[in-house]
Protein backbone atom coordinates (compact mmCIF):
# COMPACT_ATOMS: atom_id res chain seq x y z
CA MET A 1 74.44 -87.47 78.09
CA SER A 2 77.21 -89.96 78.79
CA TYR A 3 79.07 -90.34 82.06
CA ASP A 4 82.54 -91.57 82.99
CA ALA A 5 81.05 -93.39 85.98
CA ILE A 6 77.65 -93.90 87.57
CA ILE A 7 77.02 -94.78 91.22
CA LYS A 8 73.40 -95.81 91.54
CA ASN A 9 70.86 -96.66 94.22
CA GLY A 10 73.07 -95.59 97.16
CA ARG A 11 72.20 -93.67 100.30
CA TRP A 12 73.68 -90.31 99.34
CA PHE A 13 75.21 -87.83 101.79
CA ASP A 14 76.12 -84.43 100.37
CA GLY A 15 78.56 -83.42 103.14
CA THR A 16 76.48 -80.48 104.41
CA GLY A 17 74.60 -82.39 107.11
CA ALA A 18 71.38 -82.38 105.07
CA ARG A 19 69.12 -85.44 105.17
CA SER A 20 70.50 -88.39 103.24
CA GLN A 21 68.43 -89.82 100.40
CA THR A 22 68.59 -92.59 97.81
CA ARG A 23 70.07 -91.08 94.67
CA ASN A 24 71.95 -91.89 91.47
CA LEU A 25 75.20 -90.01 90.82
CA GLY A 26 76.71 -89.37 87.41
CA ILE A 27 80.40 -88.41 87.19
CA ARG A 28 81.96 -86.64 84.26
CA ASP A 29 85.36 -84.92 83.84
CA GLY A 30 86.22 -85.33 87.50
CA ARG A 31 83.06 -83.63 88.76
CA VAL A 32 79.62 -84.69 89.91
CA ALA A 33 77.53 -84.04 86.81
CA ALA A 34 74.19 -85.35 88.11
CA VAL A 35 72.46 -86.24 91.38
CA SER A 36 69.18 -87.78 90.34
CA VAL A 37 66.15 -89.48 91.81
CA ASP A 38 65.58 -91.15 88.46
CA PRO A 39 67.92 -93.72 86.92
CA LEU A 40 70.68 -92.26 84.75
CA ASP A 41 71.38 -93.30 81.17
CA GLU A 42 74.07 -95.98 81.42
CA ALA A 43 74.73 -96.13 77.66
CA ASP A 44 78.44 -95.90 76.88
CA CYS A 45 79.29 -95.50 80.58
CA PRO A 46 82.43 -97.57 81.23
CA GLN A 47 81.82 -97.97 84.96
CA VAL A 48 78.51 -98.49 86.70
CA LEU A 49 78.53 -99.26 90.42
CA ASP A 50 75.34 -100.47 92.08
CA ALA A 51 75.47 -99.06 95.61
CA ALA A 52 72.16 -100.43 96.85
CA GLY A 53 72.39 -100.82 100.63
CA LYS A 54 75.61 -98.75 100.70
CA TRP A 55 76.43 -95.22 101.82
CA VAL A 56 77.70 -92.81 99.17
CA MET A 57 79.49 -89.87 100.76
CA PRO A 58 82.19 -87.30 100.08
CA GLY A 59 85.77 -88.41 100.63
CA MET A 60 86.95 -87.74 104.16
CA VAL A 61 89.40 -84.99 105.10
CA ASP A 62 92.38 -85.80 107.36
CA ILE A 63 93.51 -82.51 108.88
CA HIS A 64 96.66 -83.78 110.63
CA THR A 65 99.25 -86.01 108.97
CA HIS A 66 103.02 -86.22 108.60
CA TYR A 67 103.16 -87.52 105.04
CA ASP A 68 105.60 -84.73 104.03
CA VAL A 69 108.32 -87.24 103.05
CA GLU A 70 106.17 -90.24 102.14
CA VAL A 71 104.14 -88.24 99.60
CA ILE A 72 107.35 -87.77 97.59
CA LEU A 73 108.27 -91.46 97.72
CA SER A 74 104.79 -92.95 97.38
CA PRO A 75 102.31 -90.27 96.28
CA GLY A 76 99.36 -92.65 96.22
CA LEU A 77 99.29 -92.56 100.06
CA LYS A 78 97.40 -95.82 99.92
CA GLU A 79 97.09 -96.43 103.64
CA SER A 80 94.83 -93.40 104.01
CA VAL A 81 92.99 -93.56 100.70
CA ARG A 82 91.93 -97.18 101.15
CA HIS A 83 90.01 -96.07 104.25
CA GLY A 84 88.07 -93.35 102.48
CA VAL A 85 90.36 -90.34 103.00
CA THR A 86 90.61 -88.31 99.80
CA SER A 87 92.10 -85.04 101.12
CA ILE A 88 95.03 -84.84 103.54
CA PHE A 89 96.93 -82.02 105.24
CA LEU A 90 100.73 -81.84 105.34
CA GLY A 91 102.93 -79.54 107.41
CA SER A 92 101.62 -80.22 110.91
CA CYS A 93 103.33 -79.56 114.27
CA SER A 94 105.62 -76.79 112.89
CA LEU A 95 107.23 -79.28 110.48
CA SER A 96 107.15 -79.00 106.70
CA ALA A 97 109.55 -80.00 103.94
CA VAL A 98 109.53 -76.68 102.10
CA HIS A 99 112.56 -74.66 103.20
CA ALA A 100 114.92 -76.56 105.53
CA GLY A 101 117.75 -78.50 103.90
CA PRO A 102 117.80 -82.32 103.86
CA SER A 103 119.99 -82.79 106.94
CA ASP A 104 118.08 -80.24 109.01
CA ALA A 105 114.76 -81.73 107.90
CA GLY A 106 116.03 -85.14 109.01
CA ASP A 107 116.76 -83.72 112.43
CA LEU A 108 113.33 -82.09 112.60
CA PHE A 109 111.25 -85.10 111.52
CA GLY A 110 113.34 -88.07 112.66
CA ARG A 111 112.80 -88.25 116.41
CA VAL A 112 109.68 -86.11 116.81
CA GLU A 113 107.63 -88.11 114.31
CA ALA A 114 109.60 -91.38 114.37
CA ILE A 115 110.21 -91.26 110.63
CA PRO A 116 113.62 -92.83 109.93
CA ARG A 117 116.03 -89.90 109.66
CA LYS A 118 118.06 -91.57 106.92
CA HIS A 119 115.06 -91.69 104.61
CA VAL A 120 114.11 -88.08 105.26
CA VAL A 121 117.65 -86.97 104.37
CA ASP A 122 118.01 -89.27 101.37
CA THR A 123 114.59 -88.41 99.94
CA LEU A 124 115.10 -84.66 100.09
CA THR A 125 118.70 -84.92 98.87
CA GLU A 126 117.56 -86.83 95.78
CA SER A 127 114.21 -85.17 95.13
CA LYS A 128 114.20 -81.61 96.41
CA THR A 129 114.14 -79.24 93.44
CA TRP A 130 112.21 -76.41 95.08
CA THR A 131 113.47 -73.34 96.93
CA SER A 132 110.14 -71.61 97.58
CA ALA A 133 106.58 -72.46 98.52
CA HIS A 134 105.37 -71.86 94.96
CA GLU A 135 107.99 -74.25 93.60
CA TYR A 136 107.07 -76.78 96.30
CA VAL A 137 103.44 -76.72 95.16
CA GLU A 138 104.54 -77.23 91.55
CA ALA A 139 106.69 -80.21 92.60
CA ILE A 140 103.83 -81.78 94.57
CA GLU A 141 101.40 -81.29 91.69
CA ALA A 142 103.87 -82.96 89.31
CA LEU A 143 103.59 -86.19 91.34
CA PRO A 144 100.98 -88.86 90.57
CA LEU A 145 99.02 -87.85 93.66
CA GLY A 146 96.41 -90.26 94.92
CA PRO A 147 94.49 -88.00 97.31
CA ASN A 148 94.24 -84.26 97.29
CA VAL A 149 96.89 -82.49 99.35
CA ALA A 150 96.77 -79.24 101.32
CA SER A 151 99.52 -77.91 103.56
CA PHE A 152 100.51 -75.71 106.44
CA ILE A 153 103.89 -74.03 106.34
CA GLY A 154 105.88 -75.13 109.38
CA HIS A 155 107.15 -72.48 111.79
CA SER A 156 110.17 -74.63 112.67
CA ASP A 157 110.83 -75.09 108.95
CA ILE A 158 111.01 -71.38 108.13
CA ARG A 159 112.87 -70.56 111.37
CA THR A 160 115.51 -73.20 110.66
CA ALA A 161 115.92 -72.12 107.06
CA GLN A 162 116.39 -68.48 108.05
CA MET A 163 118.50 -68.77 111.21
CA GLY A 164 120.16 -72.17 110.84
CA LEU A 165 119.29 -75.11 113.07
CA ASP A 166 121.86 -74.30 115.73
CA ARG A 167 121.01 -70.60 116.16
CA SER A 168 117.27 -71.28 115.91
CA THR A 169 117.46 -73.65 118.92
CA ARG A 170 119.40 -71.47 121.37
CA LYS A 171 117.64 -69.61 124.16
CA ASP A 172 120.15 -66.77 124.05
CA VAL A 173 119.71 -66.11 120.33
CA LYS A 174 116.92 -63.94 118.97
CA PRO A 175 116.25 -63.41 115.27
CA THR A 176 117.64 -60.21 113.84
CA PRO A 177 115.18 -57.74 112.31
CA ALA A 178 116.29 -58.92 108.87
CA GLU A 179 115.71 -62.57 109.81
CA LEU A 180 112.29 -61.77 111.20
CA ASP A 181 111.43 -59.91 108.00
CA ALA A 182 112.55 -62.93 105.98
CA MET A 183 110.42 -65.34 108.04
CA ALA A 184 107.41 -63.10 107.53
CA ALA A 185 108.13 -62.99 103.80
CA LYS A 186 108.31 -66.79 103.66
CA LEU A 187 104.95 -67.04 105.38
CA GLU A 188 103.37 -64.49 103.03
CA GLU A 189 104.75 -66.35 100.02
CA ALA A 190 103.35 -69.66 101.29
CA LEU A 191 99.92 -68.12 101.76
CA ASP A 192 100.14 -66.65 98.26
CA ALA A 193 100.87 -70.18 97.02
CA GLY A 194 97.66 -71.43 98.65
CA PHE A 195 98.89 -72.86 101.96
CA ILE A 196 96.12 -73.08 104.53
CA GLY A 197 98.14 -71.37 107.24
CA MET A 198 101.06 -71.98 109.57
CA SER A 199 101.68 -74.71 112.11
CA SER A 200 103.65 -74.06 115.26
CA GLN A 201 104.62 -76.05 118.34
CA GLU A 202 105.31 -75.14 121.96
CA LEU A 203 105.44 -78.68 123.36
CA LEU A 204 108.79 -79.18 125.09
CA PHE A 205 109.07 -82.96 124.89
CA ASP A 206 109.42 -83.02 121.10
CA LYS A 207 113.18 -83.38 120.58
CA LEU A 208 115.54 -83.07 117.63
CA ASP A 209 117.35 -86.00 116.04
CA GLY A 210 120.85 -86.04 114.54
CA GLU A 211 124.09 -84.92 116.10
CA VAL A 212 124.21 -81.14 115.58
CA CYS A 213 121.44 -80.15 118.02
CA ARG A 214 120.38 -83.52 119.36
CA SER A 215 117.75 -83.46 122.11
CA ARG A 216 117.04 -79.75 121.84
CA THR A 217 113.37 -78.91 121.42
CA LEU A 218 111.89 -77.81 118.11
CA PRO A 219 112.91 -74.39 116.76
CA SER A 220 109.41 -72.94 117.14
CA THR A 221 109.63 -73.47 120.92
CA TYR A 222 112.42 -70.86 121.01
CA SER A 223 110.46 -68.18 119.16
CA THR A 224 110.07 -64.79 120.76
CA ARG A 225 106.79 -63.06 121.57
CA GLN A 226 107.54 -60.45 118.91
CA GLU A 227 108.12 -63.19 116.34
CA ARG A 228 104.90 -65.01 117.16
CA ARG A 229 102.87 -61.80 117.05
CA ARG A 230 104.39 -60.82 113.71
CA LEU A 231 103.55 -64.16 112.10
CA THR A 232 100.07 -64.56 113.58
CA ALA A 233 99.22 -61.00 112.51
CA ILE A 234 99.82 -62.10 108.94
CA LEU A 235 97.54 -65.12 109.39
CA ARG A 236 94.85 -62.96 110.97
CA ARG A 237 94.99 -60.39 108.16
CA ARG A 238 94.89 -63.09 105.48
CA GLY A 239 92.13 -65.14 107.12
CA ARG A 240 94.29 -68.27 107.33
CA ALA A 241 94.68 -70.77 110.15
CA LEU A 242 97.19 -71.27 112.94
CA GLN A 243 97.62 -74.88 113.96
CA ALA A 244 99.45 -75.04 117.27
CA GLY A 245 100.45 -77.40 120.03
CA PRO A 246 100.68 -75.96 123.57
CA ASP A 247 103.18 -77.14 126.14
CA VAL A 248 101.32 -79.57 128.40
CA GLY A 249 103.69 -78.66 131.22
CA ARG A 250 102.63 -74.99 131.05
CA PRO A 251 98.83 -74.66 130.93
CA GLN A 252 99.26 -70.93 130.42
CA SER A 253 100.56 -71.63 126.91
CA MET A 254 97.27 -73.38 126.08
CA VAL A 255 95.27 -70.43 127.38
CA ALA A 256 97.40 -67.89 125.51
CA LEU A 257 97.11 -69.76 122.21
CA ALA A 258 93.35 -70.14 122.58
CA LEU A 259 92.87 -66.46 123.46
CA SER A 260 94.87 -65.42 120.40
CA SER A 261 91.77 -66.37 118.41
CA VAL A 262 89.57 -63.76 120.13
CA GLY A 263 88.05 -61.27 117.72
CA LEU A 264 87.03 -58.38 119.99
CA PHE A 265 88.09 -55.13 118.29
CA ARG A 266 90.03 -57.07 115.64
CA ARG A 267 89.59 -59.81 113.07
CA PRO A 268 89.32 -63.29 114.65
CA LEU A 269 92.27 -65.60 114.10
CA LYS A 270 91.49 -69.14 113.04
CA VAL A 271 93.18 -71.35 115.64
CA SER A 272 93.19 -75.15 115.60
CA LEU A 273 94.83 -76.42 118.78
CA LEU A 274 96.28 -79.82 119.65
CA SER A 275 94.42 -81.55 121.08
CA ALA A 276 91.18 -82.38 122.88
CA ALA A 277 91.62 -85.75 124.54
CA ASP A 278 90.17 -87.70 127.44
CA VAL A 279 93.54 -88.20 129.12
CA LYS A 280 93.71 -91.18 131.50
CA ALA A 281 96.31 -89.42 133.62
CA ILE A 282 94.08 -86.36 134.20
CA PRO A 283 90.42 -87.36 133.66
CA ALA A 284 89.00 -84.03 134.82
CA VAL A 285 90.73 -82.17 131.99
CA ALA A 286 88.13 -83.56 129.55
CA HIS A 287 85.71 -80.90 130.82
CA VAL A 288 88.15 -78.09 130.04
CA PHE A 289 88.30 -78.46 126.27
CA PRO A 290 84.63 -77.83 125.34
CA ALA A 291 84.32 -75.10 127.97
CA MET A 292 87.38 -73.24 126.70
CA ALA A 293 86.12 -73.40 123.11
CA ARG A 294 82.73 -71.98 124.17
CA VAL A 295 84.37 -69.09 126.04
CA VAL A 296 86.79 -68.17 123.25
CA ASN A 297 84.18 -68.41 120.51
CA GLY A 298 81.78 -66.43 122.69
CA LEU A 299 84.36 -63.65 122.52
CA ARG A 300 84.13 -63.68 118.70
CA GLY A 301 86.95 -66.15 118.33
CA ASN A 302 87.23 -68.77 115.61
CA PHE A 303 88.73 -71.52 117.71
CA ARG A 304 88.71 -75.31 117.40
CA TRP A 305 90.33 -78.23 119.15
CA GLN A 306 91.64 -81.10 117.05
CA HIS A 307 90.51 -84.49 118.30
CA LEU A 308 91.16 -88.12 117.45
CA PRO A 309 87.67 -89.68 117.76
CA VAL A 310 88.91 -93.16 118.74
CA PRO A 311 90.79 -94.63 121.73
CA PHE A 312 94.43 -93.50 121.62
CA GLU A 313 96.06 -96.93 121.80
CA VAL A 314 99.83 -97.00 121.29
CA TYR A 315 102.42 -99.74 120.89
CA SER A 316 106.11 -99.63 121.68
CA ASP A 317 109.19 -101.67 120.85
CA GLY A 318 111.07 -101.54 124.13
CA ILE A 319 111.42 -97.95 125.31
CA ASP A 320 111.01 -96.38 121.85
CA LEU A 321 107.82 -94.43 122.53
CA PRO A 322 107.59 -90.61 122.41
CA VAL A 323 105.69 -90.34 125.72
CA PHE A 324 108.92 -91.12 127.54
CA GLU A 325 110.21 -87.74 126.34
CA GLU A 326 107.93 -85.97 128.85
CA PHE A 327 110.15 -86.73 131.86
CA GLY A 328 113.90 -86.53 132.33
CA SER A 329 114.87 -90.17 132.76
CA GLY A 330 112.79 -91.25 129.78
CA ALA A 331 114.26 -88.52 127.57
CA ALA A 332 117.76 -89.58 128.63
CA ALA A 333 117.11 -93.09 127.31
CA LEU A 334 115.64 -91.87 124.02
CA ASP A 335 118.60 -89.53 123.61
CA LEU A 336 120.74 -92.68 123.28
CA SER A 337 118.59 -94.30 120.59
CA ASN A 338 121.58 -94.18 118.24
CA GLN A 339 123.92 -95.69 120.87
CA LEU A 340 122.25 -98.93 121.85
CA GLU A 341 125.07 -100.32 124.00
CA ALA A 342 125.29 -97.10 125.98
CA ARG A 343 121.52 -97.07 126.39
CA SER A 344 121.46 -100.64 127.63
CA ALA A 345 124.13 -99.78 130.21
CA LEU A 346 122.12 -96.74 131.29
CA LEU A 347 118.94 -98.77 131.77
CA ALA A 348 120.82 -101.25 133.94
CA ASP A 349 122.39 -98.56 136.15
CA GLU A 350 120.86 -98.42 139.64
CA ALA A 351 121.24 -94.65 139.99
CA TYR A 352 119.39 -94.19 136.71
CA ARG A 353 116.68 -96.59 137.85
CA ARG A 354 116.14 -94.54 140.99
CA ARG A 355 115.60 -91.48 138.81
CA PHE A 356 113.18 -93.40 136.61
CA ARG A 357 111.22 -94.72 139.60
CA LYS A 358 110.98 -91.19 140.99
CA ASP A 359 109.67 -89.86 137.67
CA TYR A 360 107.27 -92.79 137.36
CA ASP A 361 105.85 -92.31 140.85
CA LYS A 362 105.17 -88.61 140.26
CA LYS A 363 101.45 -88.87 139.49
CA TYR A 364 100.48 -85.21 139.74
CA GLY A 365 100.83 -82.33 137.37
CA PRO A 366 100.27 -81.98 133.60
CA ARG A 367 101.33 -85.03 131.61
CA VAL A 368 100.25 -87.25 128.72
CA TRP A 369 101.12 -90.79 129.85
CA HIS A 370 99.38 -92.31 132.86
CA ARG A 371 102.68 -93.87 134.00
CA ASP A 372 101.11 -97.13 135.09
CA PHE A 373 102.95 -100.29 134.05
CA PHE A 374 99.99 -102.30 135.37
CA ASP A 375 98.20 -100.78 132.35
CA ALA A 376 100.81 -101.83 129.78
CA GLU A 377 100.34 -105.26 128.21
CA ILE A 378 103.22 -107.21 126.69
CA VAL A 379 102.23 -108.54 123.25
CA GLU A 380 105.56 -109.88 121.95
CA CYS A 381 108.68 -111.12 123.72
CA PRO A 382 111.25 -113.92 123.30
CA ASP A 383 110.18 -114.99 126.79
CA ASP A 384 106.75 -116.48 126.08
CA SER A 385 105.87 -116.59 129.76
CA VAL A 386 105.36 -112.82 129.96
CA ILE A 387 103.19 -112.39 126.84
CA GLY A 388 99.69 -111.24 127.70
CA LYS A 389 100.77 -109.89 131.09
CA THR A 390 101.43 -106.35 132.19
CA PHE A 391 104.86 -105.24 133.37
CA GLY A 392 103.30 -104.73 136.78
CA GLN A 393 102.09 -108.34 136.85
CA VAL A 394 105.56 -109.54 135.82
CA GLY A 395 107.04 -107.59 138.73
CA VAL A 396 104.59 -109.14 141.19
CA GLU A 397 105.36 -112.64 139.90
CA ARG A 398 109.08 -111.96 140.26
CA GLY A 399 108.79 -111.41 143.97
CA GLY A 400 107.35 -107.91 144.18
CA VAL A 401 109.80 -106.16 141.85
CA HIS A 402 108.91 -102.51 141.23
CA PRO A 403 107.02 -102.17 137.89
CA VAL A 404 109.78 -99.88 136.56
CA ASP A 405 112.43 -102.49 137.28
CA ALA A 406 110.30 -105.23 135.70
CA PHE A 407 110.02 -103.07 132.58
CA LEU A 408 113.70 -102.11 132.47
CA ASP A 409 114.86 -105.68 133.16
CA LEU A 410 112.98 -106.94 130.11
CA VAL A 411 114.16 -104.06 127.92
CA VAL A 412 117.80 -104.59 128.96
CA GLU A 413 117.52 -108.30 128.20
CA TYR A 414 115.50 -108.20 124.98
CA GLY A 415 115.65 -104.60 123.71
CA THR A 416 113.16 -103.78 120.99
CA LYS A 417 111.98 -107.39 120.88
CA VAL A 418 109.73 -106.57 123.82
CA ARG A 419 106.59 -105.11 122.28
CA TRP A 420 103.80 -103.77 124.44
CA ARG A 421 100.69 -101.64 124.25
CA THR A 422 98.61 -99.27 126.33
CA THR A 423 95.76 -96.81 125.87
CA ILE A 424 96.77 -93.29 126.84
CA SER A 425 93.50 -91.43 126.27
CA ASN A 426 90.02 -91.46 124.74
CA HIS A 427 89.11 -94.60 126.67
CA ARG A 428 85.61 -93.55 127.84
CA PRO A 429 82.98 -93.85 125.07
CA GLU A 430 80.65 -91.33 126.67
CA VAL A 431 83.37 -88.65 126.64
CA LEU A 432 84.33 -89.52 123.06
CA ASN A 433 80.71 -89.03 122.05
CA LYS A 434 80.58 -85.59 123.68
CA PHE A 435 83.77 -84.50 121.91
CA ALA A 436 82.59 -85.89 118.57
CA SER A 437 79.41 -83.80 118.63
CA ASP A 438 80.88 -80.61 120.14
CA PRO A 439 81.03 -77.64 117.70
CA GLY A 440 84.33 -76.47 119.22
CA VAL A 441 86.05 -79.73 118.23
CA GLN A 442 87.40 -80.78 114.83
CA LEU A 443 87.65 -84.50 114.06
CA GLY A 444 91.07 -85.49 112.80
CA PHE A 445 94.56 -85.70 114.29
CA SER A 446 95.34 -89.13 112.82
CA ASP A 447 99.13 -88.49 112.66
CA ALA A 448 99.12 -90.66 109.52
CA GLY A 449 102.60 -91.23 108.15
CA ALA A 450 104.32 -90.80 111.54
CA HIS A 451 105.10 -93.08 114.50
CA LEU A 452 105.04 -96.02 112.13
CA ARG A 453 105.66 -98.65 114.81
CA ASN A 454 103.58 -96.98 117.50
CA MET A 455 100.04 -96.48 116.23
CA ALA A 456 97.61 -96.68 113.31
CA PHE A 457 94.57 -94.44 113.01
CA TYR A 458 94.19 -94.38 109.21
CA ASN A 459 90.57 -95.55 109.59
CA PHE A 460 89.52 -93.10 112.31
CA GLY A 461 86.58 -91.87 110.20
CA LEU A 462 85.20 -95.35 109.69
CA ARG A 463 85.45 -96.04 113.41
CA LEU A 464 83.51 -92.87 114.23
CA LEU A 465 80.79 -93.79 111.72
CA ARG A 466 80.54 -97.24 113.29
CA ARG A 467 80.04 -95.71 116.73
CA VAL A 468 77.37 -93.37 115.40
CA ARG A 469 75.57 -96.21 113.63
CA ASP A 470 75.75 -98.51 116.67
CA ALA A 471 74.33 -95.77 118.89
CA GLU A 472 71.47 -95.13 116.46
CA GLN A 473 70.62 -98.82 116.32
CA ALA A 474 70.74 -99.06 120.12
CA GLY A 475 68.30 -96.16 120.42
CA THR A 476 70.88 -93.93 122.13
CA PRO A 477 72.02 -91.59 119.33
CA PHE A 478 74.51 -88.81 120.13
CA MET A 479 74.50 -87.41 116.59
CA SER A 480 72.93 -88.35 113.27
CA THR A 481 74.87 -90.14 110.56
CA GLU A 482 74.42 -87.06 108.38
CA GLN A 483 76.05 -84.91 111.04
CA ALA A 484 78.91 -87.37 111.43
CA VAL A 485 79.59 -87.38 107.69
CA HIS A 486 79.46 -83.57 107.66
CA ARG A 487 81.96 -83.38 110.53
CA LEU A 488 84.41 -85.65 108.69
CA THR A 489 84.05 -83.90 105.33
CA GLY A 490 82.38 -80.61 104.48
CA GLU A 491 82.73 -78.97 107.90
CA LEU A 492 86.52 -79.34 107.79
CA ALA A 493 86.90 -78.27 104.16
CA ASP A 494 84.72 -75.20 104.71
CA TRP A 495 86.57 -74.07 107.85
CA TYR A 496 89.94 -74.24 106.09
CA GLY A 497 88.55 -72.75 102.86
CA LEU A 498 89.14 -75.72 100.54
CA ASP A 499 87.32 -77.15 97.53
CA ALA A 500 86.60 -80.56 99.04
CA GLY A 501 84.26 -82.39 101.36
CA HIS A 502 80.98 -82.04 99.42
CA LEU A 503 79.11 -84.21 96.97
CA ARG A 504 76.62 -82.04 95.08
CA GLU A 505 76.26 -81.29 91.41
CA GLY A 506 79.38 -79.43 90.30
CA ASP A 507 81.53 -80.62 93.22
CA ARG A 508 84.73 -82.59 92.81
CA ALA A 509 83.97 -86.28 92.41
CA ASP A 510 85.84 -87.40 95.53
CA VAL A 511 83.55 -90.19 96.66
CA VAL A 512 83.52 -93.01 99.18
CA VAL A 513 81.10 -95.92 98.93
CA LEU A 514 80.77 -97.71 102.27
CA ASP A 515 79.07 -100.93 103.29
CA PRO A 516 77.57 -100.11 106.70
CA GLU A 517 77.10 -103.80 107.49
CA HIS A 518 80.89 -104.11 107.65
CA LEU A 519 81.45 -101.24 110.04
CA ASP A 520 82.23 -103.92 112.59
CA ALA A 521 84.95 -105.29 114.87
CA SER A 522 87.34 -105.65 111.92
CA LEU A 523 88.00 -101.91 112.24
CA ASP A 524 89.84 -102.58 115.51
CA ALA A 525 92.02 -105.44 114.26
CA TYR A 526 95.80 -105.16 114.54
CA ALA A 527 97.75 -105.29 111.28
CA GLU A 528 101.20 -104.48 109.93
CA CYS A 529 102.54 -103.91 106.42
CA PRO A 530 106.11 -103.21 105.24
CA VAL A 531 107.02 -99.84 103.76
CA PRO A 532 109.26 -100.59 100.76
CA GLU A 533 110.44 -96.98 100.62
CA TYR A 534 111.75 -97.24 104.21
CA ASP A 535 113.82 -100.40 103.63
CA GLY A 536 110.85 -102.62 104.36
CA LEU A 537 110.17 -101.25 107.85
CA SER A 538 107.00 -102.95 109.09
CA ARG A 539 104.49 -100.28 110.07
CA MET A 540 101.21 -100.55 111.90
CA VAL A 541 98.23 -100.20 109.56
CA ASN A 542 94.49 -100.86 109.47
CA ARG A 543 92.84 -103.54 107.37
CA ASN A 544 89.05 -103.60 107.01
CA ASP A 545 88.66 -104.04 103.28
CA ASP A 546 85.03 -105.20 103.39
CA ALA A 547 83.90 -101.84 104.75
CA VAL A 548 85.10 -99.77 101.79
CA THR A 549 83.38 -100.76 98.56
CA ALA A 550 84.97 -98.04 96.42
CA VAL A 551 86.86 -94.76 96.56
CA PHE A 552 86.93 -92.21 93.75
CA VAL A 553 89.32 -89.24 93.59
CA GLY A 554 88.73 -86.70 90.85
CA GLY A 555 86.26 -89.11 89.26
CA GLU A 556 88.78 -91.98 89.03
CA CYS A 557 88.19 -95.22 90.92
CA VAL A 558 91.32 -95.63 93.04
CA VAL A 559 90.06 -98.26 95.52
CA ARG A 560 87.70 -101.15 94.84
CA ASP A 561 86.59 -103.65 97.47
CA GLY A 562 89.01 -102.16 99.95
CA ARG A 563 92.07 -102.58 97.74
CA PRO A 564 93.95 -100.01 95.66
CA THR A 565 93.38 -100.16 91.92
CA PRO A 566 96.33 -99.86 89.48
CA VAL A 567 95.43 -96.18 89.03
CA LEU A 568 96.34 -95.22 92.61
CA GLY A 569 99.82 -93.75 92.72
CA THR A 570 100.49 -94.16 89.02
CA LYS A 571 98.05 -91.62 87.60
CA ARG A 572 97.50 -88.19 89.10
CA THR A 573 93.99 -88.17 90.55
CA GLY A 574 94.43 -85.70 93.41
CA ARG A 575 95.68 -82.14 93.33
CA PHE A 576 97.11 -79.50 95.63
CA LEU A 577 94.16 -77.80 97.33
CA ARG A 578 94.72 -74.05 97.59
CA ALA A 579 93.06 -72.23 100.46
CA GLY A 580 90.67 -69.47 99.54
């Protein structure tokens, strides 16, 4: 029997959590044709990879991305695939590119996900040929996909398409019965097309871009209780998932969304909630997430938290960082992102600064950002004397200037040329380890494709595997490597009902070959790379090419020695993964 590719002598993980073993894998017609203890016949096999000393595992699943526009422009999605991700989810946070028109989609994605609005509008204007979820799937499958793609349908997407962006973002406007029927029909049609469920959002600091409804919150935040019940009833009946983001300012929204999963006297609803994090601003909240999952699932729920299993380090050019949306003075500045002169004047205004200082000094209550400019390091600035210092230190050196004024002074003078960084959450390794091994937590939430200048977590899976391996070698394991691989692959695919995440005979040949000796400090290195499709915008990326020996999607080698092969993005290797 001949094979299209053979991967031999590697430490094989099947994605189920079973014990890893040295095996030889034969790939034929996009599937795993053999998993053998004995050597396979290499005659006439065009590609034989010796994986001695390497890990051979299923491709990882990224359950939270915002590649909805980028997949159309650059379907190889190289930044994720080169780090071992072979299946990605679109349509997160109530946003999808299925129904809303180009201009409305630009307003939905532009500010919330920091994807340049112009490119959202232009891409959909030039490329959108679909008017339904079925046609969207056909259009995606016609692309030379690199990884496999699955998708949620966005609640804000279908609400905007049915009610119009203006009406869908007014508190005094409720959907008519006919509009509610149409939204339900759009959801049913998406599930018929194989979508994994619906994403929604209740977070009130996600704001719209554009001019029509600028700075209003996302359409899904205006939905009525009747509307939410109607749509989630469909998901419950069909066994599909609700991905949702609660409003951090209203803890009751988190409780209500979690309890919607409860299955007493009814079918459980799959709920994946954003997000379990060890928040610096509220360290005690880390205990809430696992406890809430245990309670809800103890009531026959099917509830999970999404979690980024690495420190949540963010960068900002000046004041262009979404966390500023969570308080009034910060949102006022971001509202003027398209009027830079007016924004500069606002930041210099003393009355505005008093507001900002008041917001900054408010340390209590639900929030995401720790609001500590002594924990915000300047990494780039035309004034070399401040590089490597925090804004708080700069204020002290300037005669005891308030940290807010030190920050605003530099932003007024240098604008986006002041680049700085801070870690918002997931800073305590012991808490990260508890989350990573908790059954009520799903590992994902990379936000790949969004916030291009703010963060880069494309290699989150590699960084988790490094932490697991380091703990094993130190004699302080918190989970086995087999469990970690399972959590990044088969566990996710199984929960969402997708054909992915496993590496047994008959499974799709989506394979990652890793060199564990290079799961090292290179995974934390800072890197940038321009995005040609976004006029060369330089985005944050990850570069640790020595760690990834090879990636196969559908049996085709798309990455070798950490770098994309000519196949990636030119030949269709991935496919649209249909739930169920």
